[in-house]
Amino acid sequence: MDDEYGKMDDDGDTFVTPRFELENGKVLRDAQVRYRTFGALNPAKDNAMVVCHALTGNASLDSWWGEMLGKGLLFDTSKYFVICANVLGSCYGTTGPTSINPDTQRPYSTSFPDVTVRDSVGLHILMVKSLGIRQVFAVVGGSLGGMQALEWGLMGGPSFVRSLVVMCCGANHHAWQIAISETQRQALYADPNWAGGAYTKDRPPNSGLSLARQIAMFTYRSHTAYTDKFGRKTLNEEPGQGQAVLYDVEKYLRYQGVKFLARFDPLSYVKVTRLMDSHDVGRGRGGKEAALSGLTQPVQLVSVSSDVLYPPAEQQELHKLLPNSRLYTVVSDSGHDGFLLDQHEVMPVAIKFLEEVAASPATVAARSKL
C-alpha cells in the first residue's frame, strides 16, 4: 500500500491576477495559480480538458494520475489540451499560507483567510480563460477534484463547460466528512509546536501533521483492504512507546505520517480541509435540488463500492438530482482511493462517455438514465 502520489513539487507555469475577491468579501492581491499543461490547444480553442486534483495533489498530473495521461488514454494529449492547476490555499505554488503577502512582504501564515471550493474554481476559470480557451470540453476530478468539477459545471455554465466526469464525492460535505477533517485538524492543534498556526520553520508541528495524515490514510481505504494487506501481522522490531508488539499496520501508518512531512505544509493542510468543508452546491442557489437541476451538461459519475469516506449513496443522490447523468460503480475493495488506484476500470468508462459527448450530446442525454 504505497502512497498514491509520486514526486510532488510546485513546478509549472504561473497565472497572476491583480485582485481577486473571495466569497467572504476579502481580497487577495496578486493572487496566483500554479498550473501545468499537456498537449496542444486546437485552432477552435475548444479541446481543453481540465483535470482537478484531490486534497494534497498538485498541478503535476503526471505524478499522481500519470497512467491515464498520454495518447489513447483518458487524458489523451493527441486530442485534448490538458490543464491541471493547484488549488487555492495549498502549498504547491497557488496562493496560500506559505505565499508572500504583497501588502507585508512576509508569508501570509495565519492571516491567510479561509477559502472555498468556489473561490478556487473561480480563480482557475480566470486562469483558463487567460489562455484563450473558448470552451472546456470536459472537467475531470475525484474527491476534492470532483467537488471542483461540479462547481466548474455550475459556475462555467453549458456554454463554457461542455461535460463533466465526477468521481467519489457528493453534493455537499456532510457532517461525517467534516468530522473526519476536524479530527485531523485537532491532531495539529494539539501539537505544542502548532502555536496557533504561527509555528516556525525550525519547530514545525510535525507530530500533529503526521497524525493527521495517518487518520486520513485509513479513511481512504477499506476494512477489507486493510485486512487483506496487513491482517494481524506483527514485526520483529522494537515498537517503542512501551509496547510489546509492533503490528504491520502500525508501521505502515507511522511511515506514511513521516513521509508526508516532507511534502505538505501544516497550515495549508488546515486551509484545504476547510476548503473541502465549504463544499455545498446548494449554498446560495436555493438548495442542492435546485442547483443540480440547472446543471444540464452531460455528467459521468463514478462511485467505488467500498468507499467509506464518500459512500456510494452520495453519488446515487447526484445521479438522481442531475438531469443528464449516468453512474458507474467500481466494485472494488480499494475504498475511496479506488478512483486513483482502479484506473484500469475507470478509464474505459470515462473514455466511452467523452467519445459519446464528442459525437452527439443528445445521444448522451437520451441514454443518461439507463
Protein backbone atom coordinates (compact mmCIF):
# COMPACT_ATOMS: atom_id res chain seq x y z
CA MET A 1 0.00 0.00 0.00
CA ASP A 2 2.16 2.80 -1.27
CA ASP A 3 1.26 6.49 -1.21
CA GLU A 4 -0.72 7.13 -4.39
CA TYR A 5 1.42 10.18 -5.20
CA GLY A 6 4.76 10.26 -6.96
CA LYS A 7 7.17 13.18 -6.93
CA MET A 8 5.39 16.26 -5.57
CA ASP A 9 6.64 19.81 -6.12
CA ASP A 10 5.44 23.22 -7.26
CA ASP A 11 6.68 23.03 -10.84
CA GLY A 12 4.60 24.71 -13.52
CA ASP A 13 3.55 27.96 -15.10
CA THR A 14 2.06 30.81 -13.09
CA PHE A 15 -1.04 32.91 -13.71
CA VAL A 16 -1.43 36.11 -11.66
CA THR A 17 -4.48 38.33 -11.31
CA PRO A 18 -4.00 41.73 -9.61
CA ARG A 19 -7.14 41.50 -7.49
CA PHE A 20 -9.28 38.50 -6.58
CA GLU A 21 -12.31 38.86 -4.34
CA LEU A 22 -13.27 35.84 -2.24
CA GLU A 23 -16.78 34.71 -1.35
CA ASN A 24 -16.36 36.25 2.10
CA GLY A 25 -15.59 39.67 0.58
CA LYS A 26 -11.88 39.64 1.38
CA VAL A 27 -9.49 40.45 -1.43
CA LEU A 28 -6.25 38.71 -2.37
CA ARG A 29 -3.81 40.97 -4.18
CA ASP A 30 -1.67 39.44 -6.93
CA ALA A 31 -3.38 36.10 -6.46
CA GLN A 32 -1.57 33.40 -8.38
CA VAL A 33 -2.31 29.94 -9.75
CA ARG A 34 0.36 27.34 -10.47
CA TYR A 35 -0.66 25.15 -13.39
CA ARG A 36 0.70 22.75 -15.98
CA THR A 37 -0.49 21.89 -19.47
CA PHE A 38 -0.10 18.80 -21.63
CA GLY A 39 -0.90 18.57 -25.34
CA ALA A 40 -1.88 21.48 -27.58
CA LEU A 41 -4.85 23.80 -27.95
CA ASN A 42 -6.64 23.34 -31.28
CA PRO A 43 -7.43 26.22 -33.66
CA ALA A 44 -11.06 26.32 -32.49
CA LYS A 45 -9.80 26.62 -28.89
CA ASP A 46 -12.43 24.17 -27.66
CA ASN A 47 -10.46 20.99 -26.87
CA ALA A 48 -9.38 21.90 -23.34
CA MET A 49 -9.70 19.27 -20.62
CA VAL A 50 -9.37 20.46 -17.02
CA VAL A 51 -8.24 17.84 -14.51
CA CYS A 52 -8.79 18.71 -10.84
CA HIS A 53 -6.66 17.21 -8.09
CA ALA A 54 -7.64 15.83 -4.68
CA LEU A 55 -6.72 17.13 -1.19
CA THR A 56 -2.91 17.06 -1.25
CA GLY A 57 -2.37 16.96 -5.00
CA ASN A 58 -0.68 19.50 -7.23
CA ALA A 59 -0.52 20.64 -10.84
CA SER A 60 1.75 17.74 -11.84
CA LEU A 61 -0.92 15.43 -13.17
CA ASP A 62 1.77 13.07 -14.40
CA SER A 63 2.84 12.40 -10.80
CA TRP A 64 -0.49 11.11 -9.49
CA TRP A 65 -2.68 10.16 -12.50
CA GLY A 66 0.13 9.59 -14.96
CA GLU A 67 -1.12 6.16 -16.05
CA MET A 68 -4.08 7.91 -17.69
CA LEU A 69 -2.05 10.68 -19.37
CA GLY A 70 -0.95 10.28 -22.98
CA LYS A 71 -2.06 9.32 -26.47
CA GLY A 72 -5.02 6.93 -26.47
CA LEU A 73 -5.61 7.30 -22.73
CA LEU A 74 -8.26 9.26 -20.83
CA PHE A 75 -6.15 12.40 -20.75
CA ASP A 76 -5.32 12.00 -24.43
CA THR A 77 -2.69 14.58 -25.33
CA SER A 78 -3.23 13.90 -29.05
CA LYS A 79 -6.86 15.08 -28.72
CA TYR A 80 -7.02 17.38 -25.70
CA PHE A 81 -5.22 20.37 -24.28
CA VAL A 82 -4.98 19.05 -20.72
CA ILE A 83 -4.75 21.58 -17.88
CA CYS A 84 -4.17 20.87 -14.20
CA ALA A 85 -3.98 23.63 -11.58
CA ASN A 86 -3.14 23.68 -7.88
CA VAL A 87 -5.99 24.70 -5.56
CA LEU A 88 -6.16 27.94 -3.62
CA GLY A 89 -4.72 27.61 -0.10
CA SER A 90 -2.34 24.81 -0.98
CA CYS A 91 1.46 24.84 -0.78
CA TYR A 92 2.33 23.91 -4.35
CA GLY A 93 2.53 27.32 -5.97
CA THR A 94 -1.01 28.69 -5.84
CA THR A 95 -1.57 31.47 -3.30
CA GLY A 96 -1.84 30.06 0.22
CA PRO A 97 -0.50 30.47 3.77
CA THR A 98 3.12 29.95 2.68
CA SER A 99 2.88 32.60 -0.06
CA ILE A 100 4.25 36.11 0.33
CA ASN A 101 1.56 38.66 1.15
CA PRO A 102 2.29 41.61 -1.19
CA ASP A 103 0.99 44.04 1.46
CA THR A 104 3.54 42.92 4.09
CA GLN A 105 6.26 41.17 2.07
CA ARG A 106 6.04 38.34 4.59
CA PRO A 107 4.30 34.95 4.35
CA TYR A 108 0.55 35.12 4.92
CA SER A 109 0.77 32.48 7.65
CA THR A 110 -2.24 32.79 9.99
CA SER A 111 -3.53 35.88 8.19
CA PHE A 112 -4.45 33.81 5.14
CA PRO A 113 -8.27 33.73 5.04
CA ASP A 114 -10.48 30.67 4.83
CA VAL A 115 -11.24 29.96 1.17
CA THR A 116 -13.92 27.88 -0.54
CA VAL A 117 -14.17 25.45 -3.43
CA ARG A 118 -15.95 28.19 -5.38
CA ASP A 119 -13.12 30.62 -4.69
CA SER A 120 -10.57 28.18 -6.07
CA VAL A 121 -12.65 27.28 -9.14
CA GLY A 122 -13.37 30.96 -9.83
CA LEU A 123 -9.65 31.69 -9.81
CA HIS A 124 -8.96 28.69 -12.04
CA ILE A 125 -11.62 29.81 -14.52
CA LEU A 126 -9.84 33.16 -14.83
CA MET A 127 -6.58 31.32 -15.48
CA VAL A 128 -8.10 29.06 -18.13
CA LYS A 129 -9.75 31.96 -19.92
CA SER A 130 -6.43 33.82 -19.93
CA LEU A 131 -5.08 31.01 -22.14
CA GLY A 132 -7.57 31.98 -24.84
CA ILE A 133 -9.77 28.93 -24.38
CA ARG A 134 -13.24 29.34 -25.87
CA GLN A 135 -14.78 26.21 -24.39
CA VAL A 136 -13.70 23.49 -21.94
CA PHE A 137 -14.63 20.13 -23.46
CA ALA A 138 -14.52 18.28 -20.11
CA VAL A 139 -13.65 18.73 -16.45
CA VAL A 140 -12.50 15.59 -14.64
CA GLY A 141 -11.85 15.06 -10.94
CA GLY A 142 -12.24 12.78 -7.95
CA SER A 143 -12.84 13.57 -4.26
CA LEU A 144 -11.97 17.27 -3.87
CA GLY A 145 -11.40 17.17 -7.62
CA GLY A 146 -14.98 16.01 -8.10
CA MET A 147 -16.25 18.87 -5.94
CA GLN A 148 -14.33 21.28 -8.14
CA ALA A 149 -15.72 19.65 -11.28
CA LEU A 150 -19.30 20.19 -10.08
CA GLU A 151 -18.54 23.85 -9.43
CA TRP A 152 -16.92 24.18 -12.86
CA GLY A 153 -20.17 22.96 -14.37
CA LEU A 154 -22.29 25.33 -12.31
CA MET A 155 -20.06 28.40 -12.45
CA GLY A 156 -18.94 27.99 -16.05
CA GLY A 157 -22.33 27.01 -17.42
CA PRO A 158 -23.05 24.86 -20.50
CA SER A 159 -21.74 27.46 -22.93
CA PHE A 160 -18.24 27.27 -21.43
CA VAL A 161 -18.09 23.79 -19.83
CA ARG A 162 -19.37 21.03 -22.10
CA SER A 163 -19.16 17.90 -19.89
CA LEU A 164 -18.05 16.57 -16.50
CA VAL A 165 -16.55 13.38 -15.09
CA VAL A 166 -17.19 13.46 -11.33
CA MET A 167 -15.77 10.75 -9.08
CA CYS A 168 -16.24 9.85 -5.42
CA CYS A 169 -17.86 12.96 -3.96
CA GLY A 170 -21.33 14.25 -3.13
CA ALA A 171 -23.43 17.37 -3.49
CA ASN A 172 -22.07 18.74 -0.24
CA HIS A 173 -19.67 17.91 2.57
CA HIS A 174 -21.70 16.05 5.17
CA ALA A 175 -21.19 16.06 8.93
CA TRP A 176 -19.34 12.72 8.54
CA GLN A 177 -16.65 14.23 6.30
CA ILE A 178 -16.41 17.45 8.30
CA ALA A 179 -15.91 15.38 11.46
CA ILE A 180 -13.10 13.39 9.87
CA SER A 181 -11.42 16.60 8.70
CA GLU A 182 -11.84 18.22 12.10
CA THR A 183 -10.28 15.22 13.85
CA GLN A 184 -7.22 15.67 11.65
CA ARG A 185 -7.11 19.40 12.38
CA GLN A 186 -7.39 18.72 16.11
CA ALA A 187 -4.33 16.48 15.84
CA LEU A 188 -2.46 19.52 14.52
CA TYR A 189 -3.88 21.88 17.13
CA ALA A 190 -2.80 19.51 19.92
CA ASP A 191 0.84 19.62 18.83
CA PRO A 192 2.73 22.04 21.16
CA ASN A 193 4.62 23.38 18.15
CA TRP A 194 1.39 24.41 16.39
CA ALA A 195 1.44 27.74 18.27
CA GLY A 196 -1.97 28.77 16.97
CA GLY A 197 -0.72 28.25 13.43
CA ALA A 198 2.21 30.64 13.91
CA TYR A 199 4.82 27.86 14.04
CA THR A 200 8.37 28.48 12.91
CA LYS A 201 10.39 26.64 10.27
CA ASP A 202 12.75 25.25 12.88
CA ARG A 203 9.88 23.97 15.06
CA PRO A 204 7.04 22.77 12.81
CA PRO A 205 4.15 20.73 14.27
CA ASN A 206 5.46 17.50 12.76
CA SER A 207 3.82 15.18 15.27
CA GLY A 208 0.40 16.72 14.63
CA LEU A 209 0.75 16.70 10.85
CA SER A 210 1.97 13.11 10.87
CA LEU A 211 -1.01 12.03 12.96
CA ALA A 212 -3.42 13.96 10.73
CA ARG A 213 -2.09 12.12 7.70
CA GLN A 214 -2.37 8.75 9.46
CA ILE A 215 -6.03 9.43 10.26
CA ALA A 216 -6.65 10.33 6.63
CA MET A 217 -4.87 7.28 5.25
CA PHE A 218 -7.17 4.68 6.75
CA THR A 219 -10.31 6.60 5.73
CA TYR A 220 -9.07 6.42 2.13
CA ARG A 221 -9.12 2.62 2.06
CA SER A 222 -11.48 -0.06 3.39
CA HIS A 223 -11.81 -2.68 6.11
CA THR A 224 -11.23 -5.45 3.58
CA ALA A 225 -8.21 -3.75 2.00
CA TYR A 226 -6.52 -3.40 5.39
CA THR A 227 -7.38 -6.96 6.36
CA ASP A 228 -6.00 -8.34 3.10
CA LYS A 229 -2.82 -6.26 3.23
CA PHE A 230 -1.96 -6.30 6.91
CA GLY A 231 -4.21 -8.68 8.82
CA ARG A 232 -2.78 -9.11 12.31
CA LYS A 233 0.81 -9.48 11.15
CA THR A 234 3.45 -8.40 13.62
CA LEU A 235 7.04 -7.38 13.03
CA ASN A 236 10.20 -8.36 14.83
CA GLU A 237 11.10 -4.75 15.50
CA GLU A 238 11.24 -2.51 18.54
CA PRO A 239 7.77 -0.93 18.71
CA GLY A 240 8.57 1.88 21.15
CA GLN A 241 6.01 3.71 23.28
CA GLY A 242 6.15 0.95 25.88
CA GLN A 243 4.52 -1.56 23.50
CA ALA A 244 5.43 -5.22 23.47
CA VAL A 245 4.29 -5.82 19.87
CA LEU A 246 4.52 -3.84 16.63
CA TYR A 247 1.76 -4.60 14.14
CA ASP A 248 2.48 -4.28 10.44
CA VAL A 249 -0.35 -1.76 10.01
CA GLU A 250 1.11 0.43 12.76
CA LYS A 251 4.46 0.62 10.96
CA TYR A 252 2.69 1.46 7.69
CA LEU A 253 0.73 4.34 9.21
CA ARG A 254 3.79 5.72 11.00
CA TYR A 255 5.76 5.57 7.76
CA GLN A 256 3.05 7.39 5.81
CA GLY A 257 2.83 10.06 8.51
CA VAL A 258 6.58 10.74 8.46
CA LYS A 259 6.72 10.65 4.65
CA PHE A 260 4.04 13.32 4.43
CA LEU A 261 6.12 15.81 6.45
CA ALA A 262 8.47 16.33 3.54
CA ARG A 263 5.76 17.38 1.12
CA PHE A 264 3.00 19.38 2.79
CA ASP A 265 2.63 22.46 4.97
CA PRO A 266 0.56 22.13 8.20
CA LEU A 267 -1.36 25.40 7.85
CA SER A 268 -2.11 24.65 4.20
CA TYR A 269 -3.50 21.31 5.35
CA VAL A 270 -5.91 23.13 7.65
CA LYS A 271 -6.93 25.61 4.95
CA VAL A 272 -7.52 23.00 2.24
CA THR A 273 -9.51 20.70 4.53
CA ARG A 274 -11.64 23.72 5.44
CA LEU A 275 -11.98 24.48 1.74
CA MET A 276 -13.39 20.96 1.32
CA ASP A 277 -15.78 21.52 4.22
CA SER A 278 -17.17 24.54 2.33
CA HIS A 279 -18.42 22.27 -0.45
CA ASP A 280 -22.18 22.72 -0.88
CA VAL A 281 -23.55 23.16 -4.38
CA GLY A 282 -26.86 24.36 -2.95
CA ARG A 283 -25.48 27.25 -0.88
CA GLY A 284 -26.99 30.46 -2.21
CA ARG A 285 -28.62 28.58 -5.09
CA GLY A 286 -31.88 27.55 -3.47
CA GLY A 287 -30.62 24.19 -2.18
CA LYS A 288 -28.91 21.27 -3.86
CA GLU A 289 -32.01 20.09 -5.71
CA ALA A 290 -32.48 23.45 -7.41
CA ALA A 291 -28.77 23.87 -8.10
CA LEU A 292 -28.25 20.44 -9.62
CA SER A 293 -31.42 20.58 -11.70
CA GLY A 294 -29.82 23.51 -13.51
CA LEU A 295 -26.60 21.65 -14.27
CA THR A 296 -27.66 20.36 -17.68
CA GLN A 297 -24.33 19.29 -19.15
CA PRO A 298 -23.74 15.53 -19.53
CA VAL A 299 -22.09 14.13 -16.41
CA GLN A 300 -20.38 10.78 -15.89
CA LEU A 301 -20.45 9.88 -12.21
CA VAL A 302 -18.11 7.27 -10.77
CA SER A 303 -18.59 5.54 -7.43
CA VAL A 304 -16.48 2.95 -5.58
CA SER A 305 -18.44 0.25 -3.78
CA SER A 306 -16.18 0.18 -0.70
CA ASP A 307 -15.79 3.96 -0.26
CA VAL A 308 -16.47 4.77 3.40
CA LEU A 309 -15.42 8.42 3.12
CA TYR A 310 -17.81 9.41 0.32
CA PRO A 311 -20.19 6.42 0.24
CA PRO A 312 -21.91 5.32 -2.99
CA ALA A 313 -25.20 6.75 -1.69
CA GLU A 314 -23.78 10.23 -2.29
CA GLN A 315 -23.10 9.55 -5.98
CA GLN A 316 -26.53 7.90 -6.26
CA GLU A 317 -28.07 11.11 -4.94
CA LEU A 318 -26.14 13.15 -7.51
CA HIS A 319 -27.36 10.82 -10.24
CA LYS A 320 -30.95 11.30 -9.09
CA LEU A 321 -30.70 15.08 -8.98
CA LEU A 322 -28.64 15.72 -12.13
CA PRO A 323 -30.88 15.79 -15.23
CA ASN A 324 -28.23 14.47 -17.64
CA SER A 325 -26.07 11.98 -15.78
CA ARG A 326 -25.00 8.37 -15.80
CA LEU A 327 -23.48 6.43 -12.90
CA TYR A 328 -20.84 3.73 -12.95
CA THR A 329 -19.87 1.88 -9.78
CA VAL A 330 -16.42 0.33 -9.48
CA VAL A 331 -16.79 -2.87 -7.46
CA SER A 332 -13.53 -2.85 -5.55
CA ASP A 333 -12.05 -3.18 -2.06
CA SER A 334 -9.79 -0.17 -2.69
CA GLY A 335 -12.05 2.22 -0.78
CA HIS A 336 -12.13 5.94 -1.54
CA ASP A 337 -8.75 5.75 -3.27
CA GLY A 338 -10.32 3.49 -5.88
CA PHE A 339 -10.68 6.47 -8.22
CA LEU A 340 -6.86 6.69 -8.20
CA LEU A 341 -5.97 3.02 -7.85
CA ASP A 342 -8.52 1.32 -10.12
CA GLN A 343 -7.59 3.34 -13.18
CA HIS A 344 -7.88 0.29 -15.44
CA GLU A 345 -11.62 0.19 -14.74
CA VAL A 346 -12.32 3.92 -14.55
CA MET A 347 -10.54 4.87 -17.76
CA PRO A 348 -12.58 2.94 -20.38
CA VAL A 349 -15.86 4.12 -18.83
CA ALA A 350 -14.79 7.76 -18.95
CA ILE A 351 -13.30 7.46 -22.44
CA LYS A 352 -16.53 5.98 -23.84
CA PHE A 353 -18.56 8.75 -22.20
CA LEU A 354 -16.37 11.50 -23.66
CA GLU A 355 -16.46 9.89 -27.11
CA GLU A 356 -20.26 10.00 -26.98
CA VAL A 357 -20.21 13.62 -25.84
CA ALA A 358 -17.95 14.50 -28.77
CA ALA A 359 -20.16 12.60 -31.20
CA SER A 360 -23.55 13.81 -30.05
CA PRO A 361 -24.53 15.39 -26.71
CA ALA A 362 -28.14 14.44 -27.48
CA THR A 363 -27.15 10.75 -27.53
CA VAL A 364 -25.68 11.08 -24.05
CA ALA A 365 -28.84 12.78 -22.82
CA ALA A 366 -31.05 10.07 -24.28
CA ARG A 367 -29.08 7.34 -22.52
CA SER A 368 -28.35 9.27 -19.32
CA LYS A 369 -30.84 7.50 -17.05
CA LEU A 370 -30.38 3.97 -18.41
